[in-house]
């Protein structure tokens, strides 16, 4: 029987980068899902504040005091208002910056009746 330690080392070196990239992708996906959940909660808070009579400028100042980087947009239609909340996230997966050089936008939106 020959020494099989060299074979195991070569297999480990070939599989390690793929495994690490896969782990980083899973962590990035979890960060995006967590941020999406946080933005959904912020959007619900914003809709509740808006329905209680606060203006979008007041809401924007309240939200940005709590956490920087959140962008609030509102578009008006005749009967409806669409409130969108967006935040940029930088992925930690190595090599992803070569594919996509910009940060990822994670956003949520709600459509409410304009009363």
N, C-alpha and C. Protein backbone atom coordinates (compact mmCIF):
# COMPACT_ATOMS: atom_id res chain seq x y z
N UNK A 1 0.84 -1.18 0.00
CA UNK A 1 0.00 0.00 0.00
C UNK A 1 0.88 1.23 0.00
N UNK A 2 0.44 2.19 -0.75
CA UNK A 2 1.18 3.45 -0.82
C UNK A 2 0.67 4.41 0.24
N UNK A 3 1.40 5.47 0.42
CA UNK A 3 1.02 6.50 1.37
C UNK A 3 -0.12 7.32 0.78
N UNK A 4 -1.26 7.37 1.47
CA UNK A 4 -2.44 8.06 0.96
C UNK A 4 -2.61 9.45 1.57
N UNK A 5 -1.66 9.90 2.38
CA UNK A 5 -1.77 11.23 2.97
C UNK A 5 -1.69 12.32 1.91
N UNK A 6 -0.88 12.11 0.90
CA UNK A 6 -0.76 13.10 -0.17
C UNK A 6 -2.04 13.23 -0.96
N UNK A 7 -2.71 12.11 -1.20
CA UNK A 7 -3.97 12.14 -1.94
C UNK A 7 -5.03 12.89 -1.16
N UNK A 8 -5.12 12.65 0.11
CA UNK A 8 -6.11 13.33 0.95
C UNK A 8 -5.84 14.83 0.99
N UNK A 9 -4.56 15.22 1.04
CA UNK A 9 -4.21 16.63 1.06
C UNK A 9 -4.61 17.32 -0.25
N UNK A 10 -4.38 16.66 -1.37
CA UNK A 10 -4.75 17.23 -2.67
C UNK A 10 -6.27 17.37 -2.77
N UNK A 11 -7.01 16.38 -2.33
CA UNK A 11 -8.47 16.46 -2.36
C UNK A 11 -8.97 17.59 -1.46
N UNK A 12 -8.35 17.74 -0.29
CA UNK A 12 -8.74 18.81 0.63
C UNK A 12 -8.49 20.18 0.01
N UNK A 13 -7.33 20.35 -0.63
CA UNK A 13 -6.99 21.64 -1.23
C UNK A 13 -7.92 21.95 -2.40
N UNK A 14 -8.38 20.96 -3.11
CA UNK A 14 -9.30 21.19 -4.22
C UNK A 14 -10.71 21.53 -3.74
N UNK A 15 -11.15 20.94 -2.65
CA UNK A 15 -12.51 21.14 -2.17
C UNK A 15 -12.64 22.37 -1.27
N UNK A 16 -11.59 22.76 -0.56
CA UNK A 16 -11.65 23.85 0.40
C UNK A 16 -12.16 25.18 -0.18
N UNK A 17 -11.64 25.67 -1.32
CA UNK A 17 -12.15 26.96 -1.83
C UNK A 17 -13.64 26.91 -2.18
N UNK A 18 -14.08 25.82 -2.75
CA UNK A 18 -15.49 25.69 -3.11
C UNK A 18 -16.35 25.70 -1.85
N UNK A 19 -15.90 24.99 -0.83
CA UNK A 19 -16.65 24.94 0.43
C UNK A 19 -16.70 26.31 1.09
N UNK A 20 -15.59 27.03 1.12
CA UNK A 20 -15.56 28.36 1.73
C UNK A 20 -16.47 29.34 1.00
N UNK A 21 -16.43 29.32 -0.32
CA UNK A 21 -17.30 30.22 -1.10
C UNK A 21 -18.77 29.88 -0.84
N UNK A 22 -19.08 28.59 -0.75
CA UNK A 22 -20.45 28.18 -0.46
C UNK A 22 -20.89 28.66 0.93
N UNK A 23 -20.02 28.57 1.92
CA UNK A 23 -20.34 29.04 3.27
C UNK A 23 -20.55 30.55 3.28
N UNK A 24 -19.67 31.30 2.59
CA UNK A 24 -19.84 32.75 2.53
C UNK A 24 -21.14 33.14 1.82
N UNK A 25 -21.50 32.40 0.77
CA UNK A 25 -22.77 32.68 0.08
C UNK A 25 -23.96 32.44 1.00
N UNK A 26 -23.90 31.39 1.81
CA UNK A 26 -24.99 31.11 2.75
C UNK A 26 -25.08 32.22 3.79
N UNK A 27 -23.94 32.71 4.28
CA UNK A 27 -23.94 33.81 5.25
C UNK A 27 -24.51 35.07 4.61
N UNK A 28 -24.11 35.38 3.37
CA UNK A 28 -24.65 36.56 2.68
C UNK A 28 -26.16 36.44 2.49
N UNK A 29 -26.63 35.27 2.11
CA UNK A 29 -28.06 35.06 1.93
C UNK A 29 -28.80 35.27 3.25
N UNK A 30 -28.25 34.78 4.34
CA UNK A 30 -28.85 35.00 5.65
C UNK A 30 -28.87 36.46 6.04
N UNK A 31 -27.81 37.20 5.71
CA UNK A 31 -27.78 38.64 6.01
C UNK A 31 -28.84 39.38 5.22
N UNK A 32 -29.04 39.00 3.96
CA UNK A 32 -30.06 39.65 3.13
C UNK A 32 -31.47 39.35 3.67
N UNK A 33 -31.71 38.11 4.06
CA UNK A 33 -33.02 37.75 4.61
C UNK A 33 -33.27 38.49 5.92
N UNK A 34 -32.25 38.59 6.77
CA UNK A 34 -32.39 39.32 8.03
C UNK A 34 -32.66 40.80 7.79
N UNK A 35 -31.92 41.40 6.86
CA UNK A 35 -32.14 42.81 6.54
C UNK A 35 -33.52 43.03 5.94
N UNK A 36 -33.97 42.12 5.10
CA UNK A 36 -35.31 42.23 4.51
C UNK A 36 -36.37 42.19 5.62
N UNK A 37 -36.19 41.32 6.61
CA UNK A 37 -37.12 41.25 7.73
C UNK A 37 -37.10 42.56 8.53
N UNK A 38 -35.92 43.11 8.78
CA UNK A 38 -35.82 44.39 9.49
C UNK A 38 -36.50 45.51 8.71
N UNK A 39 -36.31 45.53 7.40
CA UNK A 39 -36.93 46.56 6.57
C UNK A 39 -38.45 46.40 6.53
N UNK A 40 -38.94 45.16 6.55
CA UNK A 40 -40.38 44.95 6.62
C UNK A 40 -40.95 45.53 7.91
N UNK A 41 -40.24 45.33 9.01
CA UNK A 41 -40.69 45.91 10.29
C UNK A 41 -40.66 47.43 10.24
N UNK A 42 -39.59 48.01 9.66
CA UNK A 42 -39.50 49.47 9.54
C UNK A 42 -40.62 50.00 8.65
N UNK A 43 -40.92 49.28 7.58
CA UNK A 43 -41.98 49.71 6.68
C UNK A 43 -43.33 49.72 7.40
N UNK A 44 -43.57 48.71 8.21
CA UNK A 44 -44.82 48.68 8.98
C UNK A 44 -44.88 49.85 9.95
N UNK A 45 -43.76 50.16 10.60
CA UNK A 45 -43.71 51.31 11.50
C UNK A 45 -43.96 52.62 10.75
N UNK A 46 -43.38 52.75 9.57
CA UNK A 46 -43.55 53.97 8.78
C UNK A 46 -45.00 54.13 8.34
N UNK A 47 -45.62 53.05 7.91
CA UNK A 47 -47.02 53.11 7.50
C UNK A 47 -47.90 53.51 8.68
N UNK A 48 -47.61 52.95 9.86
CA UNK A 48 -48.39 53.30 11.05
C UNK A 48 -48.19 54.78 11.41
N UNK A 49 -46.96 55.27 11.35
CA UNK A 49 -46.70 56.68 11.64
C UNK A 49 -47.39 57.59 10.62
N UNK A 50 -47.34 57.20 9.35
CA UNK A 50 -47.96 57.99 8.29
C UNK A 50 -49.47 58.05 8.48
N UNK A 51 -50.06 56.93 8.85
CA UNK A 51 -51.51 56.91 9.05
C UNK A 51 -51.91 57.68 10.30
N UNK A 52 -50.97 57.88 11.23
CA UNK A 52 -51.26 58.68 12.43
C UNK A 52 -50.98 60.16 12.24
N UNK A 53 -50.63 60.59 11.02
CA UNK A 53 -50.53 62.01 10.73
C UNK A 53 -49.13 62.58 10.61
N UNK A 54 -48.09 61.78 10.70
CA UNK A 54 -46.72 62.29 10.54
C UNK A 54 -46.43 62.49 9.05
N UNK A 55 -45.60 63.49 8.73
CA UNK A 55 -45.19 63.69 7.35
C UNK A 55 -43.99 62.80 7.05
N UNK A 56 -43.70 62.62 5.77
CA UNK A 56 -42.59 61.76 5.38
C UNK A 56 -41.24 62.34 5.82
N UNK A 57 -41.12 63.67 5.89
CA UNK A 57 -39.88 64.27 6.38
C UNK A 57 -39.66 63.97 7.86
N UNK A 58 -40.74 64.05 8.64
CA UNK A 58 -40.63 63.71 10.07
C UNK A 58 -40.29 62.23 10.25
N UNK A 59 -40.90 61.39 9.46
CA UNK A 59 -40.62 59.95 9.55
C UNK A 59 -39.18 59.67 9.15
N UNK A 60 -38.71 60.33 8.09
CA UNK A 60 -37.33 60.14 7.64
C UNK A 60 -36.34 60.54 8.72
N UNK A 61 -36.59 61.64 9.42
CA UNK A 61 -35.68 62.06 10.49
C UNK A 61 -35.73 61.09 11.67
N UNK A 62 -36.89 60.54 11.98
CA UNK A 62 -37.00 59.57 13.08
C UNK A 62 -36.23 58.29 12.74
N UNK A 63 -36.42 57.78 11.54
CA UNK A 63 -35.79 56.52 11.14
C UNK A 63 -34.28 56.68 11.03
N UNK A 64 -33.81 57.77 10.44
CA UNK A 64 -32.36 57.94 10.27
C UNK A 64 -31.65 58.24 11.57
N UNK A 65 -32.37 58.69 12.60
CA UNK A 65 -31.75 58.82 13.92
C UNK A 65 -31.44 57.44 14.49
N UNK A 66 -32.34 56.49 14.21
CA UNK A 66 -32.16 55.15 14.74
C UNK A 66 -31.07 54.38 13.99
N UNK A 67 -31.06 54.47 12.67
CA UNK A 67 -30.15 53.64 11.90
C UNK A 67 -29.82 54.36 10.59
N UNK A 68 -28.55 54.53 10.29
CA UNK A 68 -28.13 55.23 9.07
C UNK A 68 -28.23 54.31 7.86
N UNK A 69 -28.39 54.93 6.72
CA UNK A 69 -28.36 54.20 5.47
C UNK A 69 -29.71 53.75 4.95
N UNK A 70 -30.77 54.03 5.66
CA UNK A 70 -32.10 53.64 5.20
C UNK A 70 -32.69 54.79 4.40
N UNK A 71 -33.16 54.47 3.20
CA UNK A 71 -33.75 55.48 2.32
C UNK A 71 -35.25 55.23 2.22
N UNK A 72 -36.03 56.30 2.43
CA UNK A 72 -37.49 56.21 2.39
C UNK A 72 -37.98 57.00 1.18
N UNK A 73 -38.78 56.35 0.35
CA UNK A 73 -39.38 57.00 -0.81
C UNK A 73 -40.88 56.82 -0.77
N UNK A 74 -41.59 57.81 -1.29
CA UNK A 74 -43.04 57.71 -1.39
C UNK A 74 -43.47 58.21 -2.76
N UNK A 75 -44.31 57.45 -3.41
CA UNK A 75 -44.88 57.89 -4.68
C UNK A 75 -46.40 57.93 -4.53
N UNK A 76 -46.96 59.00 -5.05
CA UNK A 76 -48.39 59.25 -4.89
C UNK A 76 -49.13 58.95 -6.17
N UNK A 77 -50.26 58.30 -6.04
CA UNK A 77 -51.18 58.09 -7.13
C UNK A 77 -52.47 58.80 -6.72
N UNK A 78 -53.50 58.74 -7.51
CA UNK A 78 -54.74 59.41 -7.15
C UNK A 78 -55.31 58.88 -5.84
N UNK A 79 -55.38 57.57 -5.71
CA UNK A 79 -56.00 56.97 -4.54
C UNK A 79 -55.03 56.25 -3.61
N UNK A 80 -53.79 56.03 -4.06
CA UNK A 80 -52.88 55.20 -3.30
C UNK A 80 -51.52 55.86 -3.12
N UNK A 81 -50.83 55.48 -2.06
CA UNK A 81 -49.46 55.92 -1.80
C UNK A 81 -48.60 54.66 -1.67
N UNK A 82 -47.49 54.64 -2.38
CA UNK A 82 -46.54 53.55 -2.27
C UNK A 82 -45.35 54.03 -1.46
N UNK A 83 -45.11 53.39 -0.32
CA UNK A 83 -43.98 53.74 0.53
C UNK A 83 -42.93 52.64 0.38
N UNK A 84 -41.72 53.04 -0.02
CA UNK A 84 -40.62 52.10 -0.23
C UNK A 84 -39.49 52.41 0.74
N UNK A 85 -38.91 51.37 1.30
CA UNK A 85 -37.78 51.50 2.21
C UNK A 85 -36.64 50.67 1.64
N UNK A 86 -35.46 51.30 1.46
CA UNK A 86 -34.32 50.65 0.82
C UNK A 86 -33.06 50.84 1.65
N UNK A 87 -32.22 49.81 1.64
CA UNK A 87 -30.91 49.90 2.27
C UNK A 87 -29.92 49.10 1.43
N UNK A 88 -28.70 49.61 1.33
CA UNK A 88 -27.66 48.92 0.59
C UNK A 88 -26.89 47.99 1.53
N UNK A 89 -26.48 46.85 0.98
CA UNK A 89 -25.71 45.89 1.75
C UNK A 89 -24.51 45.44 0.91
N UNK A 90 -23.37 45.32 1.57
CA UNK A 90 -22.16 44.89 0.89
C UNK A 90 -21.94 43.41 1.17
N UNK A 91 -21.84 42.59 0.12
CA UNK A 91 -21.64 41.16 0.35
C UNK A 91 -20.23 40.86 0.86
N UNK A 92 -20.10 39.78 1.61
CA UNK A 92 -18.79 39.40 2.14
C UNK A 92 -18.18 38.23 1.38
N UNK A 93 -18.90 37.70 0.40
CA UNK A 93 -18.41 36.57 -0.36
C UNK A 93 -17.20 36.99 -1.20
N UNK A 94 -16.07 36.29 -1.04
CA UNK A 94 -14.89 36.66 -1.84
C UNK A 94 -15.14 36.42 -3.33
N UNK A 95 -14.68 37.35 -4.14
CA UNK A 95 -14.81 37.23 -5.59
C UNK A 95 -16.12 37.75 -6.14
N UNK A 96 -17.08 38.03 -5.30
CA UNK A 96 -18.36 38.54 -5.79
C UNK A 96 -18.24 39.96 -6.30
N UNK A 97 -17.26 40.70 -5.80
CA UNK A 97 -17.07 42.07 -6.27
C UNK A 97 -16.61 42.11 -7.73
N UNK A 98 -16.02 41.03 -8.22
CA UNK A 98 -15.65 40.97 -9.64
C UNK A 98 -16.88 40.81 -10.53
N UNK A 99 -17.88 40.13 -10.01
CA UNK A 99 -19.10 39.90 -10.78
C UNK A 99 -20.01 41.12 -10.71
N UNK A 100 -20.21 41.63 -9.52
CA UNK A 100 -21.07 42.79 -9.31
C UNK A 100 -20.31 43.78 -8.44
N UNK A 101 -19.93 44.91 -9.03
CA UNK A 101 -19.09 45.87 -8.34
C UNK A 101 -19.86 46.76 -7.37
N UNK A 102 -21.16 46.89 -7.53
CA UNK A 102 -21.96 47.76 -6.69
C UNK A 102 -22.46 47.00 -5.46
N UNK A 103 -23.00 47.75 -4.53
CA UNK A 103 -23.65 47.16 -3.37
C UNK A 103 -25.02 46.66 -3.77
N UNK A 104 -25.54 45.71 -3.03
CA UNK A 104 -26.88 45.20 -3.29
C UNK A 104 -27.91 46.08 -2.60
N UNK A 105 -29.02 46.33 -3.29
CA UNK A 105 -30.14 47.06 -2.70
C UNK A 105 -31.16 46.05 -2.19
N UNK A 106 -31.52 46.19 -0.94
CA UNK A 106 -32.59 45.39 -0.37
C UNK A 106 -33.72 46.36 -0.08
N UNK A 107 -34.91 46.07 -0.60
CA UNK A 107 -36.01 47.03 -0.43
C UNK A 107 -37.32 46.32 -0.15
N UNK A 108 -38.19 47.05 0.51
CA UNK A 108 -39.56 46.61 0.74
C UNK A 108 -40.48 47.77 0.41
N UNK A 109 -41.72 47.47 0.13
CA UNK A 109 -42.67 48.54 -0.17
C UNK A 109 -44.07 48.13 0.27
N UNK A 110 -44.86 49.12 0.54
CA UNK A 110 -46.25 48.94 0.92
C UNK A 110 -47.10 49.95 0.15
N UNK A 111 -48.26 49.50 -0.26
CA UNK A 111 -49.23 50.38 -0.92
C UNK A 111 -50.39 50.57 0.05
N UNK A 112 -50.66 51.84 0.35
CA UNK A 112 -51.76 52.15 1.26
C UNK A 112 -52.73 53.11 0.60
N UNK A 113 -53.94 53.11 1.05
CA UNK A 113 -54.96 54.00 0.49
C UNK A 113 -54.74 55.41 1.02
N UNK A 114 -54.78 56.38 0.10
CA UNK A 114 -54.60 57.78 0.45
C UNK A 114 -55.94 58.32 0.93
N UNK A 115 -55.96 58.73 2.18
CA UNK A 115 -57.22 59.23 2.75
C UNK A 115 -57.12 60.68 3.07
